[in-house]
N, C-alpha and C. Protein backbone atom coordinates (compact mmCIF):
# COMPACT_ATOMS: atom_id res chain seq x y z
N UNK A 1 -25.04 -24.55 -14.14
CA UNK A 1 -25.06 -24.33 -12.69
C UNK A 1 -24.07 -25.24 -12.00
N UNK A 2 -23.35 -24.73 -11.06
CA UNK A 2 -22.42 -25.51 -10.26
C UNK A 2 -23.21 -26.33 -9.25
N UNK A 3 -23.12 -27.67 -9.35
CA UNK A 3 -23.94 -28.54 -8.49
C UNK A 3 -23.58 -28.44 -7.02
N UNK A 4 -22.39 -27.89 -6.73
CA UNK A 4 -21.98 -27.78 -5.33
C UNK A 4 -22.61 -26.56 -4.65
N UNK A 5 -23.24 -25.69 -5.42
CA UNK A 5 -23.88 -24.50 -4.86
C UNK A 5 -25.37 -24.74 -4.67
N UNK A 6 -25.93 -24.12 -3.64
CA UNK A 6 -27.37 -24.17 -3.45
C UNK A 6 -28.03 -23.26 -4.49
N UNK A 7 -29.35 -23.34 -4.56
CA UNK A 7 -30.08 -22.50 -5.52
C UNK A 7 -29.84 -21.02 -5.23
N UNK A 8 -29.89 -20.64 -3.95
CA UNK A 8 -29.67 -19.25 -3.58
C UNK A 8 -28.25 -18.82 -3.89
N UNK A 9 -27.29 -19.67 -3.57
CA UNK A 9 -25.90 -19.34 -3.86
C UNK A 9 -25.69 -19.10 -5.35
N UNK A 10 -26.30 -19.95 -6.17
CA UNK A 10 -26.14 -19.81 -7.61
C UNK A 10 -26.77 -18.52 -8.10
N UNK A 11 -27.91 -18.13 -7.54
CA UNK A 11 -28.57 -16.90 -7.96
C UNK A 11 -27.69 -15.69 -7.69
N UNK A 12 -27.10 -15.63 -6.49
CA UNK A 12 -26.25 -14.49 -6.15
C UNK A 12 -24.95 -14.53 -6.96
N UNK A 13 -24.43 -15.73 -7.18
CA UNK A 13 -23.23 -15.87 -8.02
C UNK A 13 -23.52 -15.35 -9.42
N UNK A 14 -24.67 -15.71 -9.96
CA UNK A 14 -25.04 -15.26 -11.31
C UNK A 14 -25.16 -13.74 -11.38
N UNK A 15 -25.74 -13.14 -10.33
CA UNK A 15 -25.86 -11.68 -10.29
C UNK A 15 -24.47 -11.04 -10.31
N UNK A 16 -23.56 -11.58 -9.49
CA UNK A 16 -22.21 -11.06 -9.47
C UNK A 16 -21.50 -11.24 -10.79
N UNK A 17 -21.71 -12.40 -11.43
CA UNK A 17 -21.06 -12.68 -12.72
C UNK A 17 -21.55 -11.70 -13.78
N UNK A 18 -22.85 -11.44 -13.78
CA UNK A 18 -23.42 -10.51 -14.76
C UNK A 18 -22.80 -9.12 -14.60
N UNK A 19 -22.66 -8.67 -13.36
CA UNK A 19 -22.09 -7.35 -13.12
C UNK A 19 -20.60 -7.33 -13.45
N UNK A 20 -19.91 -8.44 -13.19
CA UNK A 20 -18.50 -8.53 -13.56
C UNK A 20 -18.31 -8.43 -15.06
N UNK A 21 -19.22 -9.03 -15.83
CA UNK A 21 -19.15 -8.92 -17.29
C UNK A 21 -19.37 -7.48 -17.74
N UNK A 22 -20.26 -6.78 -17.04
CA UNK A 22 -20.48 -5.37 -17.36
C UNK A 22 -19.22 -4.56 -17.10
N UNK A 23 -18.53 -4.88 -16.01
CA UNK A 23 -17.31 -4.15 -15.67
C UNK A 23 -16.21 -4.39 -16.70
N UNK A 24 -16.19 -5.58 -17.29
CA UNK A 24 -15.09 -5.96 -18.18
C UNK A 24 -15.40 -5.76 -19.66
N UNK A 25 -16.60 -5.33 -20.00
CA UNK A 25 -17.04 -5.37 -21.39
C UNK A 25 -16.24 -4.47 -22.34
N UNK A 26 -15.69 -3.37 -21.84
CA UNK A 26 -14.95 -2.45 -22.70
C UNK A 26 -13.49 -2.34 -22.25
N UNK A 27 -12.84 -3.50 -22.17
CA UNK A 27 -11.43 -3.53 -21.72
C UNK A 27 -11.26 -3.02 -20.30
N UNK A 28 -12.28 -3.26 -19.45
CA UNK A 28 -12.18 -2.98 -18.02
C UNK A 28 -11.91 -1.49 -17.75
N UNK A 29 -12.65 -0.65 -18.45
CA UNK A 29 -12.50 0.79 -18.23
C UNK A 29 -13.02 1.18 -16.84
N UNK A 30 -12.40 2.19 -16.28
CA UNK A 30 -12.72 2.60 -14.92
C UNK A 30 -14.20 2.95 -14.76
N UNK A 31 -14.76 3.66 -15.74
CA UNK A 31 -16.17 4.07 -15.65
C UNK A 31 -17.08 2.86 -15.61
N UNK A 32 -16.78 1.83 -16.39
CA UNK A 32 -17.59 0.61 -16.40
C UNK A 32 -17.46 -0.13 -15.07
N UNK A 33 -16.23 -0.20 -14.55
CA UNK A 33 -16.00 -0.87 -13.28
C UNK A 33 -16.79 -0.19 -12.16
N UNK A 34 -16.68 1.13 -12.08
CA UNK A 34 -17.35 1.84 -11.00
C UNK A 34 -18.87 1.75 -11.12
N UNK A 35 -19.37 1.75 -12.33
CA UNK A 35 -20.81 1.62 -12.54
C UNK A 35 -21.28 0.23 -12.07
N UNK A 36 -20.52 -0.78 -12.40
CA UNK A 36 -20.86 -2.14 -11.98
C UNK A 36 -20.74 -2.29 -10.46
N UNK A 37 -19.73 -1.65 -9.88
CA UNK A 37 -19.55 -1.70 -8.43
C UNK A 37 -20.70 -1.00 -7.72
N UNK A 38 -21.15 0.11 -8.26
CA UNK A 38 -22.31 0.81 -7.69
C UNK A 38 -23.51 -0.14 -7.63
N UNK A 39 -23.73 -0.88 -8.71
CA UNK A 39 -24.86 -1.80 -8.76
C UNK A 39 -24.66 -2.98 -7.81
N UNK A 40 -23.43 -3.47 -7.72
CA UNK A 40 -23.12 -4.58 -6.83
C UNK A 40 -23.42 -4.21 -5.38
N UNK A 41 -22.91 -3.06 -4.97
CA UNK A 41 -23.10 -2.62 -3.59
C UNK A 41 -24.56 -2.25 -3.31
N UNK A 42 -25.23 -1.65 -4.29
CA UNK A 42 -26.64 -1.31 -4.11
C UNK A 42 -27.46 -2.58 -3.90
N UNK A 43 -27.18 -3.62 -4.68
CA UNK A 43 -27.92 -4.87 -4.57
C UNK A 43 -27.76 -5.49 -3.18
N UNK A 44 -26.53 -5.53 -2.68
CA UNK A 44 -26.32 -6.16 -1.37
C UNK A 44 -26.88 -5.27 -0.27
N UNK A 45 -26.78 -3.95 -0.41
CA UNK A 45 -27.32 -3.05 0.60
C UNK A 45 -28.84 -3.17 0.69
N UNK A 46 -29.50 -3.29 -0.45
CA UNK A 46 -30.96 -3.44 -0.44
C UNK A 46 -31.37 -4.77 0.17
N UNK A 47 -30.61 -5.82 -0.12
CA UNK A 47 -30.89 -7.12 0.48
C UNK A 47 -30.75 -7.04 1.99
N UNK A 48 -29.68 -6.41 2.45
CA UNK A 48 -29.42 -6.31 3.88
C UNK A 48 -30.51 -5.50 4.57
N UNK A 49 -30.96 -4.44 3.92
CA UNK A 49 -32.04 -3.64 4.50
C UNK A 49 -33.30 -4.48 4.70
N UNK A 50 -33.62 -5.30 3.71
CA UNK A 50 -34.79 -6.17 3.81
C UNK A 50 -34.60 -7.21 4.91
N UNK A 51 -33.41 -7.79 5.00
CA UNK A 51 -33.12 -8.79 6.02
C UNK A 51 -33.17 -8.20 7.42
N UNK A 52 -32.72 -6.96 7.54
CA UNK A 52 -32.75 -6.29 8.84
C UNK A 52 -34.19 -6.09 9.31
N UNK A 53 -35.07 -5.72 8.39
CA UNK A 53 -36.48 -5.56 8.73
C UNK A 53 -37.08 -6.90 9.16
N UNK A 54 -36.74 -7.96 8.42
CA UNK A 54 -37.24 -9.28 8.74
C UNK A 54 -36.72 -9.75 10.10
N UNK A 55 -35.43 -9.50 10.36
CA UNK A 55 -34.84 -9.91 11.63
C UNK A 55 -35.51 -9.18 12.80
N UNK A 56 -35.85 -7.92 12.59
CA UNK A 56 -36.54 -7.14 13.62
C UNK A 56 -37.90 -7.77 13.93
N UNK A 57 -38.63 -8.17 12.90
CA UNK A 57 -39.95 -8.78 13.08
C UNK A 57 -39.85 -10.13 13.78
N UNK A 58 -38.73 -10.82 13.60
CA UNK A 58 -38.52 -12.12 14.23
C UNK A 58 -37.85 -11.99 15.60
N UNK A 59 -37.82 -10.78 16.10
CA UNK A 59 -37.24 -10.48 17.41
C UNK A 59 -35.75 -10.83 17.48
N UNK A 60 -35.07 -10.69 16.34
CA UNK A 60 -33.61 -10.85 16.30
C UNK A 60 -33.01 -9.61 15.63
N UNK A 61 -33.24 -8.44 16.20
CA UNK A 61 -32.81 -7.21 15.54
C UNK A 61 -31.30 -7.13 15.37
N UNK A 62 -30.89 -6.53 14.26
CA UNK A 62 -29.47 -6.29 14.02
C UNK A 62 -29.00 -5.20 14.97
N UNK A 63 -27.92 -5.46 15.67
CA UNK A 63 -27.41 -4.52 16.67
C UNK A 63 -26.41 -3.52 16.11
N UNK A 64 -26.01 -3.71 14.86
CA UNK A 64 -25.03 -2.82 14.24
C UNK A 64 -25.62 -1.42 14.07
N UNK A 65 -24.87 -0.41 14.45
CA UNK A 65 -25.32 0.97 14.29
C UNK A 65 -24.12 1.90 14.31
N UNK A 66 -24.34 3.12 13.89
CA UNK A 66 -23.27 4.11 13.84
C UNK A 66 -22.68 4.30 15.23
N UNK A 67 -21.37 4.29 15.31
CA UNK A 67 -20.70 4.45 16.59
C UNK A 67 -20.30 3.13 17.23
N UNK A 68 -20.85 2.02 16.75
CA UNK A 68 -20.45 0.69 17.22
C UNK A 68 -19.36 0.20 16.28
N UNK A 69 -18.16 0.10 16.77
CA UNK A 69 -17.02 -0.17 15.87
C UNK A 69 -16.18 -1.36 16.30
N UNK A 70 -16.77 -2.29 17.06
CA UNK A 70 -15.99 -3.46 17.50
C UNK A 70 -15.43 -4.24 16.31
N UNK A 71 -16.25 -4.38 15.27
CA UNK A 71 -15.80 -5.15 14.10
C UNK A 71 -14.77 -4.38 13.27
N UNK A 72 -14.64 -3.10 13.52
CA UNK A 72 -13.69 -2.27 12.77
C UNK A 72 -12.27 -2.38 13.33
N UNK A 73 -12.07 -3.34 14.23
CA UNK A 73 -10.74 -3.56 14.81
C UNK A 73 -10.17 -4.93 14.43
N UNK A 74 -10.83 -5.63 13.53
CA UNK A 74 -10.36 -6.95 13.16
C UNK A 74 -9.92 -6.99 11.71
N UNK A 75 -9.43 -8.14 11.30
CA UNK A 75 -8.90 -8.29 9.94
C UNK A 75 -10.01 -8.13 8.91
N UNK A 76 -9.75 -7.31 7.90
CA UNK A 76 -10.66 -7.13 6.78
C UNK A 76 -9.87 -7.35 5.50
N UNK A 77 -10.47 -8.11 4.59
CA UNK A 77 -9.82 -8.38 3.31
C UNK A 77 -10.66 -7.78 2.19
N UNK A 78 -9.99 -7.27 1.17
CA UNK A 78 -10.68 -6.65 0.03
C UNK A 78 -10.00 -7.05 -1.26
N UNK A 79 -10.80 -7.22 -2.31
CA UNK A 79 -10.26 -7.54 -3.63
C UNK A 79 -9.73 -6.28 -4.31
N UNK A 80 -8.89 -6.47 -5.31
CA UNK A 80 -8.26 -5.33 -5.97
C UNK A 80 -9.27 -4.39 -6.61
N UNK A 81 -10.39 -4.91 -7.14
CA UNK A 81 -11.38 -4.01 -7.73
C UNK A 81 -12.12 -3.21 -6.66
N UNK A 82 -12.29 -3.80 -5.47
CA UNK A 82 -12.89 -3.05 -4.37
C UNK A 82 -11.96 -1.92 -3.91
N UNK A 83 -10.68 -2.22 -3.89
CA UNK A 83 -9.71 -1.21 -3.49
C UNK A 83 -9.61 -0.09 -4.53
N UNK A 84 -9.75 -0.43 -5.79
CA UNK A 84 -9.77 0.58 -6.85
C UNK A 84 -10.95 1.53 -6.64
N UNK A 85 -12.10 0.95 -6.37
CA UNK A 85 -13.32 1.74 -6.11
C UNK A 85 -13.13 2.60 -4.85
N UNK A 86 -12.58 1.99 -3.81
CA UNK A 86 -12.35 2.70 -2.55
C UNK A 86 -11.36 3.84 -2.73
N UNK A 87 -10.29 3.59 -3.48
CA UNK A 87 -9.28 4.63 -3.71
C UNK A 87 -9.86 5.83 -4.43
N UNK A 88 -10.73 5.57 -5.40
CA UNK A 88 -11.37 6.67 -6.13
C UNK A 88 -12.25 7.49 -5.19
N UNK A 89 -12.96 6.82 -4.29
CA UNK A 89 -13.81 7.52 -3.33
C UNK A 89 -12.95 8.39 -2.40
N UNK A 90 -11.86 7.84 -1.92
CA UNK A 90 -10.98 8.59 -1.01
C UNK A 90 -10.44 9.83 -1.70
N UNK A 91 -9.98 9.69 -2.92
CA UNK A 91 -9.42 10.83 -3.64
C UNK A 91 -10.45 11.94 -3.86
N UNK A 92 -11.71 11.56 -4.02
CA UNK A 92 -12.75 12.53 -4.34
C UNK A 92 -13.53 13.05 -3.13
N UNK A 93 -13.38 12.41 -1.98
CA UNK A 93 -14.20 12.80 -0.83
C UNK A 93 -13.43 13.07 0.45
N UNK A 94 -12.12 12.81 0.45
CA UNK A 94 -11.33 13.00 1.67
C UNK A 94 -10.29 14.09 1.42
N UNK A 95 -10.21 15.03 2.34
CA UNK A 95 -9.22 16.11 2.23
C UNK A 95 -7.80 15.54 2.38
N UNK A 96 -6.82 16.28 1.87
CA UNK A 96 -5.43 15.82 1.88
C UNK A 96 -4.95 15.43 3.28
N UNK A 97 -5.22 16.23 4.34
CA UNK A 97 -4.76 15.81 5.68
C UNK A 97 -5.36 14.46 6.09
N UNK A 98 -6.62 14.23 5.71
CA UNK A 98 -7.27 12.96 6.02
C UNK A 98 -6.63 11.81 5.27
N UNK A 99 -6.28 12.03 4.01
CA UNK A 99 -5.61 11.00 3.22
C UNK A 99 -4.25 10.67 3.82
N UNK A 100 -3.53 11.68 4.23
CA UNK A 100 -2.22 11.47 4.83
C UNK A 100 -2.34 10.68 6.14
N UNK A 101 -3.41 10.94 6.90
CA UNK A 101 -3.61 10.21 8.16
C UNK A 101 -3.97 8.75 7.88
N UNK A 102 -4.80 8.52 6.86
CA UNK A 102 -5.14 7.15 6.48
C UNK A 102 -3.88 6.39 6.09
N UNK A 103 -3.03 7.05 5.30
CA UNK A 103 -1.79 6.42 4.86
C UNK A 103 -0.90 6.08 6.06
N UNK A 104 -0.81 7.00 6.99
CA UNK A 104 0.02 6.79 8.18
C UNK A 104 -0.52 5.63 9.01
N UNK A 105 -1.84 5.60 9.21
CA UNK A 105 -2.45 4.54 10.02
C UNK A 105 -2.36 3.19 9.32
N UNK A 106 -2.51 3.19 7.99
CA UNK A 106 -2.40 1.94 7.23
C UNK A 106 -0.99 1.37 7.33
N UNK A 107 0.00 2.24 7.25
CA UNK A 107 1.40 1.79 7.34
C UNK A 107 1.69 1.21 8.71
N UNK A 108 1.16 1.87 9.75
CA UNK A 108 1.39 1.39 11.11
C UNK A 108 0.74 0.03 11.34
N UNK A 109 -0.49 -0.13 10.87
CA UNK A 109 -1.18 -1.41 11.05
C UNK A 109 -0.52 -2.50 10.21
N UNK A 110 -0.15 -2.17 9.00
CA UNK A 110 0.47 -3.15 8.11
C UNK A 110 1.80 -3.65 8.66
N UNK A 111 2.52 -2.78 9.33
CA UNK A 111 3.80 -3.16 9.91
C UNK A 111 3.63 -4.31 10.89
N UNK A 112 2.49 -4.31 11.59
CA UNK A 112 2.20 -5.38 12.55
C UNK A 112 1.57 -6.59 11.88
N UNK A 113 0.52 -6.36 11.09
CA UNK A 113 -0.24 -7.49 10.55
C UNK A 113 0.52 -8.28 9.49
N UNK A 114 1.46 -7.64 8.80
CA UNK A 114 2.22 -8.34 7.76
C UNK A 114 3.10 -9.44 8.34
N UNK A 115 3.33 -9.40 9.65
CA UNK A 115 4.21 -10.38 10.30
C UNK A 115 3.43 -11.52 10.94
N UNK A 116 2.10 -11.44 10.93
CA UNK A 116 1.28 -12.42 11.66
C UNK A 116 0.92 -13.62 10.78
N UNK A 117 0.84 -14.80 11.41
CA UNK A 117 0.31 -15.96 10.71
C UNK A 117 -1.21 -15.83 10.64
N UNK A 118 -1.85 -16.74 9.92
CA UNK A 118 -3.29 -16.60 9.66
C UNK A 118 -4.11 -16.56 10.94
N UNK A 119 -3.86 -17.46 11.86
CA UNK A 119 -4.65 -17.51 13.10
C UNK A 119 -4.44 -16.25 13.92
N UNK A 120 -3.20 -15.83 14.05
CA UNK A 120 -2.90 -14.62 14.82
C UNK A 120 -3.52 -13.39 14.17
N UNK A 121 -3.53 -13.35 12.84
CA UNK A 121 -4.12 -12.23 12.13
C UNK A 121 -5.61 -12.15 12.40
N UNK A 122 -6.30 -13.28 12.37
CA UNK A 122 -7.75 -13.29 12.57
C UNK A 122 -8.13 -12.93 14.01
N UNK A 123 -7.20 -13.10 14.94
CA UNK A 123 -7.45 -12.75 16.34
C UNK A 123 -6.92 -11.37 16.71
N UNK A 124 -6.16 -10.77 15.81
CA UNK A 124 -5.54 -9.47 16.10
C UNK A 124 -6.57 -8.35 16.11
N UNK A 125 -6.46 -7.46 17.08
CA UNK A 125 -7.39 -6.33 17.18
C UNK A 125 -6.62 -5.01 17.15
N UNK A 126 -6.90 -4.21 16.14
CA UNK A 126 -6.38 -2.85 16.08
C UNK A 126 -7.28 -2.07 15.12
N UNK A 127 -7.43 -0.76 15.32
CA UNK A 127 -8.42 -0.01 14.54
C UNK A 127 -8.11 0.03 13.05
N UNK A 128 -9.16 -0.03 12.25
CA UNK A 128 -9.05 0.10 10.80
C UNK A 128 -8.49 1.48 10.47
N UNK A 129 -7.61 1.60 9.49
CA UNK A 129 -7.07 2.91 9.11
C UNK A 129 -8.14 3.89 8.65
N UNK A 130 -9.32 3.38 8.30
CA UNK A 130 -10.41 4.23 7.80
C UNK A 130 -11.36 4.64 8.91
N UNK A 131 -11.10 4.18 10.13
CA UNK A 131 -11.96 4.52 11.27
C UNK A 131 -11.59 5.89 11.81
N UNK A 132 -12.59 6.74 11.95
CA UNK A 132 -12.36 8.10 12.45
C UNK A 132 -13.46 8.46 13.45
N UNK A 133 -13.06 8.77 14.67
CA UNK A 133 -14.01 9.13 15.72
C UNK A 133 -15.09 8.07 15.89
N UNK A 134 -14.70 6.81 15.79
CA UNK A 134 -15.61 5.71 16.04
C UNK A 134 -16.52 5.34 14.88
N UNK A 135 -16.36 5.98 13.73
CA UNK A 135 -17.20 5.64 12.57
C UNK A 135 -16.32 5.51 11.32
N UNK A 136 -16.86 4.84 10.31
CA UNK A 136 -16.13 4.65 9.06
C UNK A 136 -16.12 5.95 8.26
N UNK A 137 -14.94 6.40 7.90
CA UNK A 137 -14.81 7.68 7.18
C UNK A 137 -15.12 7.54 5.69
N UNK A 138 -15.27 6.30 5.21
CA UNK A 138 -15.57 6.06 3.79
C UNK A 138 -16.74 5.09 3.66
N UNK A 139 -17.72 5.27 4.51
CA UNK A 139 -18.81 4.30 4.66
C UNK A 139 -19.46 3.92 3.33
N UNK A 140 -19.69 4.88 2.48
CA UNK A 140 -20.38 4.62 1.21
C UNK A 140 -19.56 3.71 0.29
N UNK A 141 -18.26 3.65 0.48
CA UNK A 141 -17.39 2.87 -0.40
C UNK A 141 -16.75 1.68 0.31
N UNK A 142 -17.23 1.35 1.49
CA UNK A 142 -16.63 0.26 2.26
C UNK A 142 -16.72 -1.06 1.50
N UNK A 143 -15.76 -1.97 1.70
CA UNK A 143 -15.74 -3.24 0.96
C UNK A 143 -16.92 -4.14 1.32
N UNK A 144 -17.11 -5.16 0.52
CA UNK A 144 -18.20 -6.11 0.73
C UNK A 144 -18.12 -6.74 2.12
N UNK A 145 -16.93 -7.09 2.56
CA UNK A 145 -16.77 -7.76 3.85
C UNK A 145 -17.36 -6.94 4.99
N UNK A 146 -17.28 -5.63 4.89
CA UNK A 146 -17.82 -4.76 5.93
C UNK A 146 -19.34 -4.65 5.83
N UNK A 147 -19.86 -4.69 4.63
CA UNK A 147 -21.30 -4.54 4.40
C UNK A 147 -22.09 -5.73 4.92
N UNK A 148 -21.55 -6.92 4.80
CA UNK A 148 -22.31 -8.14 5.09
C UNK A 148 -22.11 -8.65 6.51
N UNK A 149 -21.35 -7.92 7.32
CA UNK A 149 -21.06 -8.34 8.69
C UNK A 149 -22.12 -7.74 9.61
N UNK A 150 -23.17 -8.51 9.88
CA UNK A 150 -24.30 -8.00 10.65
C UNK A 150 -24.53 -8.88 11.88
N UNK A 151 -24.41 -8.28 13.05
CA UNK A 151 -24.54 -9.02 14.30
C UNK A 151 -25.89 -8.78 14.96
N UNK A 152 -26.43 -9.83 15.56
CA UNK A 152 -27.68 -9.72 16.31
C UNK A 152 -27.42 -9.71 17.82
N UNK A 153 -26.15 -9.61 18.20
CA UNK A 153 -25.81 -9.58 19.62
C UNK A 153 -24.53 -8.78 19.83
N UNK A 154 -24.68 -7.56 20.30
CA UNK A 154 -23.50 -6.73 20.51
C UNK A 154 -22.62 -7.31 21.61
N UNK A 155 -23.22 -8.03 22.55
CA UNK A 155 -22.42 -8.63 23.62
C UNK A 155 -21.45 -9.67 23.06
N UNK A 156 -21.87 -10.40 22.01
CA UNK A 156 -20.97 -11.37 21.39
C UNK A 156 -19.82 -10.67 20.67
N UNK A 157 -20.09 -9.49 20.13
CA UNK A 157 -19.04 -8.70 19.47
C UNK A 157 -18.04 -8.16 20.49
N UNK A 158 -18.57 -7.73 21.62
CA UNK A 158 -17.69 -7.21 22.68
C UNK A 158 -16.80 -8.32 23.21
N UNK A 159 -17.39 -9.51 23.41
CA UNK A 159 -16.61 -10.65 23.89
C UNK A 159 -15.51 -11.01 22.90
N UNK A 160 -15.84 -11.01 21.61
CA UNK A 160 -14.85 -11.33 20.58
C UNK A 160 -13.77 -10.26 20.52
N UNK A 161 -14.15 -9.02 20.74
CA UNK A 161 -13.20 -7.91 20.74
C UNK A 161 -12.24 -8.01 21.92
N UNK A 162 -12.78 -8.35 23.07
CA UNK A 162 -11.97 -8.38 24.29
C UNK A 162 -11.20 -9.69 24.46
N UNK A 163 -11.79 -10.79 23.97
CA UNK A 163 -11.16 -12.10 24.15
C UNK A 163 -11.22 -12.88 22.83
N UNK A 164 -10.48 -12.45 21.83
CA UNK A 164 -10.56 -13.09 20.50
C UNK A 164 -10.13 -14.55 20.47
N UNK A 165 -9.33 -14.97 21.45
CA UNK A 165 -8.86 -16.35 21.47
C UNK A 165 -9.90 -17.31 22.08
N UNK A 166 -10.99 -16.78 22.58
CA UNK A 166 -12.05 -17.61 23.16
C UNK A 166 -12.79 -18.33 22.05
N UNK A 167 -12.49 -19.58 21.84
CA UNK A 167 -13.07 -20.34 20.73
C UNK A 167 -14.52 -20.71 20.96
N UNK A 168 -15.04 -20.46 22.16
CA UNK A 168 -16.45 -20.76 22.44
C UNK A 168 -17.35 -19.59 22.07
N UNK A 169 -16.76 -18.50 21.65
CA UNK A 169 -17.56 -17.32 21.30
C UNK A 169 -17.16 -16.81 19.93
N UNK A 170 -18.18 -16.38 19.20
CA UNK A 170 -17.97 -15.69 17.93
C UNK A 170 -19.17 -14.78 17.73
N UNK A 171 -18.98 -13.61 17.13
CA UNK A 171 -20.12 -12.71 16.93
C UNK A 171 -21.33 -13.42 16.31
N UNK A 172 -22.51 -13.11 16.81
CA UNK A 172 -23.75 -13.75 16.35
C UNK A 172 -24.19 -13.11 15.04
N UNK A 173 -23.61 -13.57 13.95
CA UNK A 173 -23.82 -12.94 12.65
C UNK A 173 -24.98 -13.58 11.89
N UNK A 174 -25.67 -12.76 11.09
CA UNK A 174 -26.68 -13.28 10.18
C UNK A 174 -25.96 -14.00 9.04
N UNK A 175 -26.32 -15.24 8.79
CA UNK A 175 -25.62 -16.06 7.80
C UNK A 175 -25.97 -15.68 6.36
N UNK A 176 -27.22 -15.30 6.12
CA UNK A 176 -27.65 -15.09 4.73
C UNK A 176 -26.88 -13.98 4.03
N UNK A 177 -26.70 -12.80 4.63
CA UNK A 177 -25.91 -11.77 3.95
C UNK A 177 -24.45 -12.16 3.74
N UNK A 178 -23.89 -12.94 4.67
CA UNK A 178 -22.52 -13.43 4.48
C UNK A 178 -22.42 -14.28 3.22
N UNK A 179 -23.39 -15.18 3.06
CA UNK A 179 -23.41 -16.03 1.89
C UNK A 179 -23.64 -15.22 0.62
N UNK A 180 -24.63 -14.32 0.66
CA UNK A 180 -24.99 -13.55 -0.54
C UNK A 180 -23.81 -12.70 -1.01
N UNK A 181 -23.18 -11.99 -0.11
CA UNK A 181 -22.06 -11.13 -0.48
C UNK A 181 -20.88 -11.93 -1.00
N UNK A 182 -20.61 -13.06 -0.35
CA UNK A 182 -19.49 -13.90 -0.79
C UNK A 182 -19.73 -14.43 -2.20
N UNK A 183 -20.96 -14.89 -2.46
CA UNK A 183 -21.26 -15.45 -3.78
C UNK A 183 -21.27 -14.36 -4.87
N UNK A 184 -21.77 -13.17 -4.55
CA UNK A 184 -21.74 -12.09 -5.54
C UNK A 184 -20.31 -11.71 -5.88
N UNK A 185 -19.45 -11.65 -4.89
CA UNK A 185 -18.05 -11.36 -5.15
C UNK A 185 -17.40 -12.48 -5.97
N UNK A 186 -17.72 -13.74 -5.65
CA UNK A 186 -17.14 -14.85 -6.40
C UNK A 186 -17.55 -14.79 -7.86
N UNK A 187 -18.83 -14.47 -8.11
CA UNK A 187 -19.30 -14.35 -9.49
C UNK A 187 -18.63 -13.20 -10.21
N UNK A 188 -18.50 -12.07 -9.53
CA UNK A 188 -17.86 -10.89 -10.11
C UNK A 188 -16.42 -11.21 -10.50
N UNK A 189 -15.70 -11.87 -9.59
CA UNK A 189 -14.31 -12.24 -9.84
C UNK A 189 -14.20 -13.21 -11.01
N UNK A 190 -15.11 -14.19 -11.05
CA UNK A 190 -15.07 -15.18 -12.13
C UNK A 190 -15.24 -14.52 -13.49
N UNK A 191 -16.16 -13.55 -13.59
CA UNK A 191 -16.37 -12.85 -14.85
C UNK A 191 -15.14 -12.07 -15.27
N UNK A 192 -14.50 -11.42 -14.31
CA UNK A 192 -13.29 -10.66 -14.63
C UNK A 192 -12.17 -11.60 -15.08
N UNK A 193 -12.02 -12.73 -14.39
CA UNK A 193 -10.97 -13.67 -14.77
C UNK A 193 -11.25 -14.27 -16.14
N UNK A 194 -12.53 -14.52 -16.43
CA UNK A 194 -12.88 -15.03 -17.77
C UNK A 194 -12.52 -14.02 -18.86
N UNK A 195 -12.47 -12.75 -18.49
CA UNK A 195 -12.10 -11.69 -19.44
C UNK A 195 -10.59 -11.44 -19.44
N UNK A 196 -9.84 -12.28 -18.71
CA UNK A 196 -8.39 -12.15 -18.69
C UNK A 196 -7.87 -11.12 -17.71
N UNK A 197 -8.69 -10.73 -16.75
CA UNK A 197 -8.30 -9.71 -15.77
C UNK A 197 -7.91 -10.39 -14.47
N UNK A 198 -6.70 -10.14 -14.02
CA UNK A 198 -6.21 -10.76 -12.79
C UNK A 198 -6.71 -9.99 -11.57
N UNK A 199 -7.20 -10.72 -10.60
CA UNK A 199 -7.71 -10.12 -9.37
C UNK A 199 -6.94 -10.67 -8.18
N UNK A 200 -6.55 -9.80 -7.26
CA UNK A 200 -5.83 -10.20 -6.06
C UNK A 200 -6.60 -9.77 -4.83
N UNK A 201 -6.33 -10.43 -3.72
CA UNK A 201 -6.95 -10.07 -2.44
C UNK A 201 -5.87 -9.56 -1.49
N UNK A 202 -6.21 -8.53 -0.73
CA UNK A 202 -5.26 -7.91 0.19
C UNK A 202 -5.90 -7.71 1.56
N UNK A 203 -5.05 -7.70 2.59
CA UNK A 203 -5.50 -7.11 3.84
C UNK A 203 -5.80 -5.64 3.55
N UNK A 204 -6.84 -5.11 4.17
CA UNK A 204 -7.27 -3.76 3.81
C UNK A 204 -6.13 -2.75 3.96
N UNK A 205 -5.40 -2.81 5.06
CA UNK A 205 -4.31 -1.84 5.28
C UNK A 205 -3.22 -2.02 4.23
N UNK A 206 -2.95 -3.25 3.83
CA UNK A 206 -1.96 -3.53 2.79
C UNK A 206 -2.43 -2.97 1.45
N UNK A 207 -3.71 -3.18 1.13
CA UNK A 207 -4.25 -2.68 -0.12
C UNK A 207 -4.26 -1.17 -0.20
N UNK A 208 -4.55 -0.53 0.92
CA UNK A 208 -4.52 0.92 0.96
C UNK A 208 -3.12 1.45 0.65
N UNK A 209 -2.12 0.80 1.18
CA UNK A 209 -0.74 1.25 0.91
C UNK A 209 -0.40 1.08 -0.56
N UNK A 210 -0.88 0.01 -1.18
CA UNK A 210 -0.65 -0.18 -2.61
C UNK A 210 -1.31 0.97 -3.40
N UNK A 211 -2.50 1.38 -2.95
CA UNK A 211 -3.20 2.47 -3.61
C UNK A 211 -2.39 3.75 -3.57
N UNK A 212 -1.86 4.06 -2.39
CA UNK A 212 -1.12 5.31 -2.23
C UNK A 212 0.20 5.27 -3.01
N UNK A 213 0.81 4.10 -3.07
CA UNK A 213 2.09 3.98 -3.77
C UNK A 213 1.92 4.10 -5.28
N UNK A 214 0.73 3.68 -5.78
CA UNK A 214 0.51 3.73 -7.22
C UNK A 214 -0.16 5.01 -7.69
N UNK A 215 -0.55 5.85 -6.73
CA UNK A 215 -1.24 7.11 -7.08
C UNK A 215 -0.29 8.08 -7.75
């Protein structure tokens, strides 16, 4: 156990590591990766569902709901295995015109965000290339970063959307799912790296363009 991690952090890290080993066990075959990713996302989704019920009982209900897309206008980062999973979903569930529109929107956003420094990128607001009519067009395959972003105050999200440079405000996020998702991803990555598999992180729009270029 890593002494710098809390007991909960280590538990989620271990879960991610176990699933990463499953993904890498047969030379990192696509079927194994996707099966492990299904389990990874199911585990975090079930945790979030339980936390949402608990937050409701504690009078801190999660305000996130379909049609609320303030967080879909900020920087999102995804690992290469998440993008692989996402690309497979897009190819199998999105019609060609929709894929072409995603590619166009990703290129347009990347043209801007690729020039920004870290602080400017985190404050930049523009719609996600996967956003369609105010909702995520690939919701079932969305990256971990999108799954664990749960706000208990939509007004704080609106303020961050409208005034991102306001350092006195930040969306009122539930901390536990942020920690759990981050640790599961860290464990998953560690297992893949231990198996000799290189993993990279991309801005979502950048990663989408890599997917289309390699298709």
